[in-house]
Amino acid sequence: MFFILALLVSTSVFASIPPRPIPRTSSKIFVKTGVFEGGTSHPANIESLRFSRNPKDQSERWVLDFSDGQTRNLQEMAPRFQVRYSNADRVDLPEGDTLLLAPPRIIISLSSIKGNYLNRGQIRNFLEKSKLVKEITVYPPIEGGDTAVEFVLKKPVLFEPHQPVQKEGRLVLDLKPTR
């Protein structure tokens, strides 16, 4: 397990795409690749994960809520984080077939996490309703509270991450199927 987390963190740190500051408002501009950074160096807790679907355009919104690491006050700050979209890893076989080695995924690396209060049963319910996300893995923290949350996708998506200015302790991932 430690090896997987180390691999996830190292691939996000050494990604060939330089990180950009996370947008502070929703622009409705979806991208198919990118690395985004935000948050503060202050310790925080992962409080909840929320999910909603928009049937009109088949988009989904996933929201991670954070609280202060000491007081558990909600929506005041997010820990230092990095959001990275990783395309599917495929190998073209000589027979003309394609072998899928790893599905597309979104990896969120988090620093200085004091507590994780996510409800696994609620996450399972969200996954049953999702048309785009197959699995969510929350890796156990390593030294200093560094951890990762991995969204394994059912298919490639366009995404738009943002951290609302008025709700500092919130990380929003808007996902939309590719056409």
N, C-alpha and C. Protein backbone atom coordinates (compact mmCIF):
# COMPACT_ATOMS: atom_id res chain seq x y z
N MET A 1 0.83 -1.19 0.00
CA MET A 1 0.00 0.00 0.00
C MET A 1 0.88 1.26 0.00
N PHE A 2 1.93 1.25 0.82
CA PHE A 2 2.83 2.39 0.86
C PHE A 2 3.45 2.63 -0.51
N PHE A 3 3.81 1.56 -1.19
CA PHE A 3 4.41 1.68 -2.52
C PHE A 3 3.45 2.38 -3.48
N ILE A 4 2.17 2.03 -3.44
CA ILE A 4 1.18 2.64 -4.33
C ILE A 4 1.07 4.13 -4.03
N LEU A 5 0.98 4.51 -2.75
CA LEU A 5 0.87 5.91 -2.39
C LEU A 5 2.13 6.67 -2.82
N ALA A 6 3.29 6.07 -2.59
CA ALA A 6 4.53 6.72 -3.01
C ALA A 6 4.55 6.93 -4.52
N LEU A 7 4.08 5.94 -5.26
CA LEU A 7 4.01 6.05 -6.71
C LEU A 7 3.07 7.17 -7.13
N LEU A 8 1.90 7.24 -6.50
CA LEU A 8 0.93 8.30 -6.84
C LEU A 8 1.50 9.68 -6.55
N VAL A 9 2.11 9.83 -5.39
CA VAL A 9 2.67 11.12 -5.02
C VAL A 9 3.82 11.48 -5.95
N SER A 10 4.68 10.52 -6.26
CA SER A 10 5.82 10.83 -7.12
C SER A 10 5.39 11.15 -8.53
N THR A 11 4.38 10.47 -9.05
CA THR A 11 3.94 10.79 -10.41
C THR A 11 3.31 12.16 -10.47
N SER A 12 2.65 12.59 -9.39
CA SER A 12 2.06 13.93 -9.43
C SER A 12 3.15 14.99 -9.26
N VAL A 13 4.18 14.69 -8.49
CA VAL A 13 5.24 15.65 -8.29
C VAL A 13 6.10 15.80 -9.54
N PHE A 14 6.36 14.70 -10.23
CA PHE A 14 7.26 14.72 -11.37
C PHE A 14 6.51 14.70 -12.71
N ALA A 15 5.26 15.08 -12.70
CA ALA A 15 4.46 15.08 -13.93
C ALA A 15 5.11 16.02 -14.95
N SER A 16 4.97 15.68 -16.22
CA SER A 16 5.57 16.49 -17.26
C SER A 16 4.82 17.80 -17.46
N ILE A 17 3.60 17.88 -17.00
CA ILE A 17 2.82 19.10 -17.12
C ILE A 17 3.05 19.93 -15.87
N PRO A 18 3.53 21.18 -16.00
CA PRO A 18 3.75 21.98 -14.79
C PRO A 18 2.42 22.34 -14.13
N PRO A 19 2.39 22.32 -12.80
CA PRO A 19 1.15 22.64 -12.10
C PRO A 19 0.74 24.10 -12.31
N ARG A 20 -0.57 24.31 -12.32
CA ARG A 20 -1.13 25.66 -12.40
C ARG A 20 -1.90 25.93 -11.12
N PRO A 21 -2.01 27.19 -10.73
CA PRO A 21 -2.87 27.49 -9.58
C PRO A 21 -4.31 27.08 -9.89
N ILE A 22 -4.98 26.54 -8.91
CA ILE A 22 -6.35 26.10 -9.14
C ILE A 22 -7.25 27.32 -9.33
N PRO A 23 -8.16 27.26 -10.29
CA PRO A 23 -9.09 28.39 -10.47
C PRO A 23 -9.91 28.60 -9.20
N ARG A 24 -10.22 29.85 -8.91
CA ARG A 24 -10.96 30.19 -7.70
C ARG A 24 -12.45 30.34 -7.94
N THR A 25 -12.86 30.29 -9.20
CA THR A 25 -14.28 30.29 -9.55
C THR A 25 -14.49 29.30 -10.68
N SER A 26 -15.70 28.85 -10.83
CA SER A 26 -16.02 27.95 -11.92
C SER A 26 -16.07 28.74 -13.22
N SER A 27 -15.32 28.28 -14.21
CA SER A 27 -15.28 28.96 -15.50
C SER A 27 -16.10 28.24 -16.55
N LYS A 28 -16.52 27.02 -16.23
CA LYS A 28 -17.23 26.14 -17.17
C LYS A 28 -16.35 25.81 -18.39
N ILE A 29 -15.03 25.94 -18.21
CA ILE A 29 -14.09 25.54 -19.25
C ILE A 29 -13.49 24.21 -18.79
N PHE A 30 -13.90 23.15 -19.48
CA PHE A 30 -13.45 21.81 -19.12
C PHE A 30 -12.20 21.46 -19.93
N VAL A 31 -11.27 20.75 -19.28
CA VAL A 31 -10.02 20.35 -19.92
C VAL A 31 -9.88 18.84 -19.85
N LYS A 32 -9.00 18.29 -20.68
CA LYS A 32 -8.79 16.85 -20.66
C LYS A 32 -7.44 16.45 -20.09
N THR A 33 -6.68 17.42 -19.63
CA THR A 33 -5.39 17.14 -19.02
C THR A 33 -5.03 18.31 -18.10
N GLY A 34 -4.14 18.08 -17.18
CA GLY A 34 -3.69 19.18 -16.34
C GLY A 34 -3.36 18.78 -14.93
N VAL A 35 -2.57 19.65 -14.29
CA VAL A 35 -2.20 19.52 -12.89
C VAL A 35 -2.47 20.88 -12.26
N PHE A 36 -3.22 20.87 -11.16
CA PHE A 36 -3.61 22.11 -10.48
C PHE A 36 -3.23 22.03 -9.02
N GLU A 37 -2.78 23.17 -8.46
CA GLU A 37 -2.39 23.22 -7.05
C GLU A 37 -3.14 24.32 -6.33
N GLY A 38 -3.32 24.12 -5.02
CA GLY A 38 -3.98 25.14 -4.20
C GLY A 38 -3.89 24.80 -2.74
N GLY A 39 -4.68 25.51 -1.94
CA GLY A 39 -4.72 25.27 -0.51
C GLY A 39 -3.66 26.03 0.25
N THR A 40 -3.58 25.73 1.54
CA THR A 40 -2.61 26.36 2.43
C THR A 40 -1.79 25.28 3.13
N SER A 41 -0.75 25.69 3.80
CA SER A 41 0.09 24.72 4.52
C SER A 41 -0.45 24.40 5.91
N HIS A 42 -1.60 24.97 6.26
CA HIS A 42 -2.22 24.74 7.56
C HIS A 42 -2.84 23.33 7.61
N PRO A 43 -2.65 22.56 8.69
CA PRO A 43 -3.26 21.23 8.80
C PRO A 43 -4.78 21.29 8.71
N ALA A 44 -5.35 20.25 8.10
CA ALA A 44 -6.80 20.21 7.91
C ALA A 44 -7.31 18.78 8.06
N ASN A 45 -8.63 18.66 8.15
CA ASN A 45 -9.31 17.36 8.17
C ASN A 45 -10.10 17.22 6.88
N ILE A 46 -10.25 15.98 6.41
CA ILE A 46 -11.19 15.70 5.33
C ILE A 46 -12.51 15.42 6.02
N GLU A 47 -13.49 16.28 5.81
CA GLU A 47 -14.77 16.15 6.51
C GLU A 47 -15.79 15.33 5.74
N SER A 48 -15.96 15.61 4.46
CA SER A 48 -17.00 14.90 3.72
C SER A 48 -16.73 14.95 2.22
N LEU A 49 -17.42 14.07 1.54
CA LEU A 49 -17.42 14.04 0.08
C LEU A 49 -18.88 14.12 -0.33
N ARG A 50 -19.18 15.02 -1.26
CA ARG A 50 -20.55 15.17 -1.75
C ARG A 50 -20.58 14.92 -3.25
N PHE A 51 -21.74 14.54 -3.74
CA PHE A 51 -21.90 14.16 -5.14
C PHE A 51 -23.24 14.65 -5.65
N SER A 52 -23.25 15.14 -6.89
CA SER A 52 -24.51 15.46 -7.56
C SER A 52 -24.32 15.26 -9.06
N ARG A 53 -25.43 14.94 -9.73
CA ARG A 53 -25.42 14.72 -11.18
C ARG A 53 -26.33 15.75 -11.84
N ASN A 54 -25.93 16.18 -13.02
CA ASN A 54 -26.78 17.04 -13.83
C ASN A 54 -27.23 16.22 -15.03
N PRO A 55 -28.46 15.70 -15.03
CA PRO A 55 -28.91 14.84 -16.13
C PRO A 55 -28.95 15.55 -17.49
N LYS A 56 -29.10 16.87 -17.47
CA LYS A 56 -29.18 17.63 -18.72
C LYS A 56 -27.93 17.46 -19.59
N ASP A 57 -26.76 17.63 -18.98
CA ASP A 57 -25.52 17.50 -19.76
C ASP A 57 -24.66 16.30 -19.32
N GLN A 58 -25.23 15.44 -18.45
CA GLN A 58 -24.55 14.23 -17.95
C GLN A 58 -23.30 14.54 -17.13
N SER A 59 -23.17 15.77 -16.65
CA SER A 59 -22.00 16.12 -15.83
C SER A 59 -22.22 15.70 -14.39
N GLU A 60 -21.13 15.61 -13.66
CA GLU A 60 -21.16 15.27 -12.24
C GLU A 60 -20.31 16.26 -11.48
N ARG A 61 -20.73 16.55 -10.25
CA ARG A 61 -19.96 17.41 -9.36
C ARG A 61 -19.60 16.60 -8.12
N TRP A 62 -18.31 16.55 -7.85
CA TRP A 62 -17.79 15.91 -6.64
C TRP A 62 -17.13 17.00 -5.81
N VAL A 63 -17.49 17.07 -4.53
CA VAL A 63 -17.00 18.14 -3.66
C VAL A 63 -16.37 17.52 -2.42
N LEU A 64 -15.11 17.87 -2.17
CA LEU A 64 -14.44 17.49 -0.92
C LEU A 64 -14.50 18.69 0.01
N ASP A 65 -15.02 18.47 1.22
CA ASP A 65 -15.08 19.52 2.22
C ASP A 65 -14.00 19.27 3.27
N PHE A 66 -13.33 20.35 3.66
CA PHE A 66 -12.26 20.27 4.65
C PHE A 66 -12.62 21.14 5.85
N SER A 67 -12.00 20.83 6.98
CA SER A 67 -12.15 21.66 8.17
C SER A 67 -10.78 21.95 8.73
N ASP A 68 -10.72 22.93 9.60
CA ASP A 68 -9.49 23.29 10.29
C ASP A 68 -9.02 22.08 11.10
N GLY A 69 -7.73 21.79 11.07
CA GLY A 69 -7.16 20.63 11.75
C GLY A 69 -7.26 20.66 13.26
N GLN A 70 -7.45 21.83 13.84
CA GLN A 70 -7.56 21.96 15.29
C GLN A 70 -9.01 22.09 15.75
N THR A 71 -9.75 23.03 15.15
CA THR A 71 -11.09 23.37 15.63
C THR A 71 -12.20 22.62 14.91
N ARG A 72 -11.92 22.04 13.74
CA ARG A 72 -12.89 21.39 12.87
C ARG A 72 -13.93 22.35 12.32
N ASN A 73 -13.61 23.66 12.31
CA ASN A 73 -14.49 24.62 11.67
C ASN A 73 -14.49 24.34 10.18
N LEU A 74 -15.67 24.25 9.60
CA LEU A 74 -15.82 23.89 8.19
C LEU A 74 -15.59 25.07 7.25
N GLN A 75 -15.12 24.75 6.06
CA GLN A 75 -15.04 25.63 4.91
C GLN A 75 -14.17 26.86 5.11
N GLU A 76 -13.27 26.83 6.07
CA GLU A 76 -12.38 27.97 6.28
C GLU A 76 -11.09 27.84 5.50
N MET A 77 -10.62 26.60 5.32
CA MET A 77 -9.34 26.41 4.62
C MET A 77 -9.23 24.98 4.10
N ALA A 78 -8.45 24.86 3.08
CA ALA A 78 -8.12 23.54 2.54
C ALA A 78 -6.63 23.31 2.76
N PRO A 79 -6.22 22.07 2.91
CA PRO A 79 -4.79 21.80 3.03
C PRO A 79 -4.11 22.04 1.69
N ARG A 80 -2.81 22.03 1.67
CA ARG A 80 -2.09 22.11 0.41
C ARG A 80 -2.49 20.88 -0.39
N PHE A 81 -2.85 21.07 -1.67
CA PHE A 81 -3.28 19.95 -2.49
C PHE A 81 -2.82 20.11 -3.94
N GLN A 82 -2.84 18.98 -4.62
CA GLN A 82 -2.56 18.95 -6.05
C GLN A 82 -3.58 18.01 -6.70
N VAL A 83 -4.21 18.45 -7.78
CA VAL A 83 -5.18 17.66 -8.53
C VAL A 83 -4.56 17.37 -9.88
N ARG A 84 -4.55 16.08 -10.25
CA ARG A 84 -3.91 15.68 -11.51
C ARG A 84 -4.80 14.69 -12.24
N TYR A 85 -5.01 14.95 -13.52
CA TYR A 85 -5.74 14.01 -14.38
C TYR A 85 -4.71 13.10 -15.04
N SER A 86 -4.94 11.81 -14.95
CA SER A 86 -4.05 10.82 -15.55
C SER A 86 -4.83 10.04 -16.60
N ASN A 87 -4.39 10.12 -17.84
CA ASN A 87 -5.05 9.39 -18.92
C ASN A 87 -4.89 7.88 -18.72
N ALA A 88 -5.72 7.13 -19.40
CA ALA A 88 -5.63 5.67 -19.35
C ALA A 88 -4.27 5.23 -19.90
N ASP A 89 -3.71 4.20 -19.29
CA ASP A 89 -2.48 3.60 -19.79
C ASP A 89 -2.87 2.42 -20.66
N ARG A 90 -2.51 2.49 -21.94
CA ARG A 90 -2.89 1.46 -22.91
C ARG A 90 -1.66 0.97 -23.66
N VAL A 91 -1.77 -0.27 -24.11
CA VAL A 91 -0.74 -0.86 -24.95
C VAL A 91 -1.43 -1.40 -26.19
N ASP A 92 -0.95 -1.00 -27.35
CA ASP A 92 -1.47 -1.53 -28.61
C ASP A 92 -0.77 -2.86 -28.90
N LEU A 93 -1.56 -3.91 -29.03
CA LEU A 93 -1.03 -5.24 -29.27
C LEU A 93 -0.84 -5.48 -30.77
N PRO A 94 0.10 -6.36 -31.15
CA PRO A 94 0.36 -6.62 -32.57
C PRO A 94 -0.88 -7.10 -33.35
N GLU A 95 -1.80 -7.77 -32.65
CA GLU A 95 -3.01 -8.28 -33.33
C GLU A 95 -4.00 -7.17 -33.64
N GLY A 96 -3.71 -5.95 -33.18
CA GLY A 96 -4.61 -4.84 -33.42
C GLY A 96 -5.49 -4.50 -32.22
N ASP A 97 -5.46 -5.34 -31.20
CA ASP A 97 -6.24 -5.08 -29.99
C ASP A 97 -5.50 -4.08 -29.11
N THR A 98 -6.23 -3.51 -28.17
CA THR A 98 -5.64 -2.60 -27.19
C THR A 98 -5.82 -3.20 -25.81
N LEU A 99 -4.76 -3.24 -25.02
CA LEU A 99 -4.79 -3.74 -23.66
C LEU A 99 -4.79 -2.54 -22.72
N LEU A 100 -5.81 -2.46 -21.86
CA LEU A 100 -5.91 -1.39 -20.89
C LEU A 100 -5.12 -1.79 -19.64
N LEU A 101 -4.03 -1.07 -19.36
CA LEU A 101 -3.22 -1.36 -18.18
C LEU A 101 -3.77 -0.65 -16.94
N ALA A 102 -4.24 0.57 -17.14
CA ALA A 102 -4.82 1.34 -16.03
C ALA A 102 -5.87 2.29 -16.61
N PRO A 103 -7.01 2.38 -15.96
CA PRO A 103 -8.06 3.28 -16.45
C PRO A 103 -7.68 4.75 -16.19
N PRO A 104 -8.38 5.67 -16.83
CA PRO A 104 -8.12 7.08 -16.51
C PRO A 104 -8.51 7.35 -15.06
N ARG A 105 -7.86 8.35 -14.47
CA ARG A 105 -8.14 8.64 -13.06
C ARG A 105 -7.77 10.08 -12.73
N ILE A 106 -8.34 10.53 -11.65
CA ILE A 106 -7.99 11.84 -11.09
C ILE A 106 -7.38 11.57 -9.73
N ILE A 107 -6.20 12.10 -9.51
CA ILE A 107 -5.47 11.87 -8.27
C ILE A 107 -5.36 13.20 -7.53
N ILE A 108 -5.81 13.20 -6.29
CA ILE A 108 -5.72 14.38 -5.45
C ILE A 108 -4.73 14.07 -4.34
N SER A 109 -3.59 14.74 -4.35
CA SER A 109 -2.58 14.59 -3.30
C SER A 109 -2.83 15.68 -2.26
N LEU A 110 -2.87 15.28 -0.99
CA LEU A 110 -3.18 16.21 0.10
C LEU A 110 -2.05 16.20 1.12
N SER A 111 -1.72 17.37 1.66
CA SER A 111 -0.69 17.48 2.68
C SER A 111 -1.30 17.85 4.02
N SER A 112 -0.67 17.41 5.09
CA SER A 112 -1.01 17.80 6.46
C SER A 112 -2.45 17.49 6.85
N ILE A 113 -2.89 16.27 6.55
CA ILE A 113 -4.24 15.85 6.93
C ILE A 113 -4.19 15.29 8.35
N LYS A 114 -4.98 15.87 9.24
CA LYS A 114 -5.03 15.43 10.63
C LYS A 114 -6.04 14.32 10.85
N GLY A 115 -7.21 14.41 10.18
CA GLY A 115 -8.25 13.41 10.36
C GLY A 115 -9.03 13.20 9.08
N ASN A 116 -9.54 11.98 8.92
CA ASN A 116 -10.35 11.64 7.76
C ASN A 116 -11.71 11.17 8.28
N TYR A 117 -12.76 11.93 7.96
CA TYR A 117 -14.09 11.62 8.46
C TYR A 117 -15.04 11.21 7.33
N LEU A 118 -14.47 10.73 6.22
CA LEU A 118 -15.30 10.29 5.10
C LEU A 118 -16.11 9.06 5.49
N ASN A 119 -17.32 8.98 5.00
CA ASN A 119 -18.22 7.87 5.26
C ASN A 119 -18.15 6.91 4.08
N ARG A 120 -17.56 5.74 4.28
CA ARG A 120 -17.38 4.77 3.19
C ARG A 120 -18.70 4.27 2.61
N GLY A 121 -19.71 4.09 3.45
CA GLY A 121 -21.02 3.67 2.96
C GLY A 121 -21.63 4.71 2.04
N GLN A 122 -21.49 5.96 2.39
CA GLN A 122 -22.00 7.05 1.57
C GLN A 122 -21.24 7.10 0.23
N ILE A 123 -19.94 6.88 0.26
CA ILE A 123 -19.15 6.86 -0.98
C ILE A 123 -19.63 5.73 -1.88
N ARG A 124 -19.89 4.55 -1.32
CA ARG A 124 -20.41 3.44 -2.13
C ARG A 124 -21.73 3.80 -2.79
N ASN A 125 -22.61 4.48 -2.05
CA ASN A 125 -23.88 4.91 -2.62
C ASN A 125 -23.68 5.89 -3.77
N PHE A 126 -22.75 6.81 -3.60
CA PHE A 126 -22.46 7.77 -4.67
C PHE A 126 -21.95 7.05 -5.91
N LEU A 127 -21.07 6.06 -5.71
CA LEU A 127 -20.50 5.33 -6.85
C LEU A 127 -21.56 4.56 -7.62
N GLU A 128 -22.57 4.05 -6.92
CA GLU A 128 -23.67 3.36 -7.59
C GLU A 128 -24.46 4.30 -8.49
N LYS A 129 -24.53 5.57 -8.14
CA LYS A 129 -25.29 6.56 -8.91
C LYS A 129 -24.45 7.22 -10.01
N SER A 130 -23.13 7.15 -9.89
CA SER A 130 -22.25 7.83 -10.82
C SER A 130 -22.16 7.10 -12.16
N LYS A 131 -22.18 7.86 -13.23
CA LYS A 131 -21.99 7.32 -14.59
C LYS A 131 -20.54 7.46 -15.03
N LEU A 132 -19.73 8.22 -14.25
CA LEU A 132 -18.36 8.52 -14.67
C LEU A 132 -17.27 7.97 -13.76
N VAL A 133 -17.56 7.80 -12.47
CA VAL A 133 -16.55 7.35 -11.50
C VAL A 133 -16.87 5.92 -11.08
N LYS A 134 -15.86 5.05 -11.25
CA LYS A 134 -16.03 3.64 -10.93
C LYS A 134 -15.65 3.33 -9.48
N GLU A 135 -14.61 3.99 -9.00
CA GLU A 135 -14.07 3.66 -7.68
C GLU A 135 -13.39 4.87 -7.09
N ILE A 136 -13.43 4.99 -5.77
CA ILE A 136 -12.70 6.04 -5.07
C ILE A 136 -11.86 5.37 -4.00
N THR A 137 -10.57 5.61 -4.04
CA THR A 137 -9.66 5.05 -3.05
C THR A 137 -9.07 6.19 -2.24
N VAL A 138 -9.21 6.10 -0.92
CA VAL A 138 -8.58 7.05 -0.01
C VAL A 138 -7.42 6.31 0.63
N TYR A 139 -6.21 6.72 0.29
CA TYR A 139 -5.03 6.03 0.80
C TYR A 139 -4.75 6.46 2.24
N PRO A 140 -4.23 5.54 3.05
CA PRO A 140 -3.90 5.90 4.43
C PRO A 140 -2.78 6.94 4.45
N PRO A 141 -2.79 7.79 5.46
CA PRO A 141 -1.76 8.83 5.52
C PRO A 141 -0.38 8.26 5.78
N ILE A 142 0.59 8.97 5.26
CA ILE A 142 1.98 8.64 5.55
C ILE A 142 2.53 9.76 6.44
N GLU A 143 3.80 9.76 6.66
CA GLU A 143 4.44 10.73 7.54
C GLU A 143 3.99 12.16 7.25
N GLY A 144 3.64 12.89 8.28
CA GLY A 144 3.23 14.28 8.14
C GLY A 144 1.79 14.45 7.70
N GLY A 145 1.04 13.35 7.60
CA GLY A 145 -0.36 13.44 7.22
C GLY A 145 -0.59 13.55 5.72
N ASP A 146 0.44 13.29 4.91
CA ASP A 146 0.26 13.32 3.46
C ASP A 146 -0.53 12.10 3.02
N THR A 147 -1.49 12.31 2.15
CA THR A 147 -2.34 11.23 1.68
C THR A 147 -2.78 11.54 0.25
N ALA A 148 -3.53 10.63 -0.32
CA ALA A 148 -4.05 10.82 -1.67
C ALA A 148 -5.45 10.23 -1.76
N VAL A 149 -6.27 10.84 -2.61
CA VAL A 149 -7.60 10.34 -2.94
C VAL A 149 -7.60 10.13 -4.45
N GLU A 150 -7.94 8.91 -4.86
CA GLU A 150 -7.90 8.56 -6.28
C GLU A 150 -9.31 8.27 -6.78
N PHE A 151 -9.72 8.98 -7.81
CA PHE A 151 -11.00 8.75 -8.48
C PHE A 151 -10.70 7.93 -9.73
N VAL A 152 -11.06 6.66 -9.75
CA VAL A 152 -10.87 5.81 -10.92
C VAL A 152 -12.10 6.00 -11.80
N LEU A 153 -11.86 6.36 -13.04
CA LEU A 153 -12.95 6.72 -13.94
C LEU A 153 -13.39 5.55 -14.80
N LYS A 154 -14.66 5.53 -15.16
CA LYS A 154 -15.20 4.49 -16.03
C LYS A 154 -14.78 4.71 -17.48
N LYS A 155 -14.52 5.97 -17.83
CA LYS A 155 -14.14 6.34 -19.18
C LYS A 155 -13.47 7.70 -19.12
N PRO A 156 -12.79 8.11 -20.18
CA PRO A 156 -12.17 9.44 -20.17
C PRO A 156 -13.23 10.53 -19.98
N VAL A 157 -12.85 11.58 -19.28
CA VAL A 157 -13.75 12.70 -19.02
C VAL A 157 -13.02 14.02 -19.28
N LEU A 158 -13.80 15.06 -19.38
CA LEU A 158 -13.29 16.42 -19.30
C LEU A 158 -13.53 16.84 -17.86
N PHE A 159 -12.65 17.67 -17.32
CA PHE A 159 -12.85 18.06 -15.92
C PHE A 159 -12.52 19.52 -15.71
N GLU A 160 -13.10 20.05 -14.66
CA GLU A 160 -12.82 21.42 -14.24
C GLU A 160 -12.74 21.44 -12.71
N PRO A 161 -11.52 21.55 -12.17
CA PRO A 161 -11.40 21.68 -10.71
C PRO A 161 -11.44 23.16 -10.34
N HIS A 162 -11.97 23.47 -9.18
CA HIS A 162 -11.87 24.83 -8.65
C HIS A 162 -12.05 24.81 -7.14
N GLN A 163 -11.53 25.86 -6.52
CA GLN A 163 -11.62 26.05 -5.07
C GLN A 163 -12.29 27.42 -4.86
N PRO A 164 -13.59 27.42 -4.54
CA PRO A 164 -14.32 28.68 -4.44
C PRO A 164 -13.69 29.66 -3.44
N VAL A 165 -13.58 30.92 -3.84
CA VAL A 165 -13.00 31.95 -2.98
C VAL A 165 -13.81 32.07 -1.68
N GLN A 166 -15.13 32.06 -1.79
CA GLN A 166 -15.97 32.27 -0.62
C GLN A 166 -16.07 31.03 0.26
N LYS A 167 -15.60 29.88 -0.20
CA LYS A 167 -15.61 28.64 0.58
C LYS A 167 -14.22 28.01 0.48
N GLU A 168 -13.25 28.59 1.18
CA GLU A 168 -11.86 28.17 1.08
C GLU A 168 -11.65 26.69 1.36
N GLY A 169 -12.47 26.11 2.21
CA GLY A 169 -12.29 24.73 2.62
C GLY A 169 -13.05 23.75 1.75
N ARG A 170 -13.16 24.06 0.49
CA ARG A 170 -13.91 23.21 -0.44
C ARG A 170 -13.10 23.04 -1.72
N LEU A 171 -13.04 21.80 -2.20
CA LEU A 171 -12.41 21.50 -3.49
C LEU A 171 -13.49 20.87 -4.36
N VAL A 172 -13.75 21.48 -5.51
CA VAL A 172 -14.82 21.04 -6.40
C VAL A 172 -14.23 20.44 -7.67
N LEU A 173 -14.71 19.26 -8.04
CA LEU A 173 -14.34 18.62 -9.30
C LEU A 173 -15.61 18.47 -10.13
N ASP A 174 -15.67 19.18 -11.23
CA ASP A 174 -16.77 19.01 -12.16
C ASP A 174 -16.29 18.10 -13.29
N LEU A 175 -17.01 17.03 -13.54
CA LEU A 175 -16.64 16.05 -14.56
C LEU A 175 -17.72 16.02 -15.63
N LYS A 176 -17.29 15.83 -16.87
CA LYS A 176 -18.21 15.80 -18.00
C LYS A 176 -17.72 14.75 -18.98
N PRO A 177 -18.63 13.92 -19.50
CA PRO A 177 -18.17 12.90 -20.47
C PRO A 177 -17.63 13.55 -21.72
N THR A 178 -16.63 12.93 -22.32
CA THR A 178 -16.12 13.42 -23.60
C THR A 178 -17.11 13.07 -24.67
N ARG A 179 -17.20 13.83 -25.68
CA ARG A 179 -18.18 13.60 -26.77
C ARG A 179 -17.55 12.87 -27.90
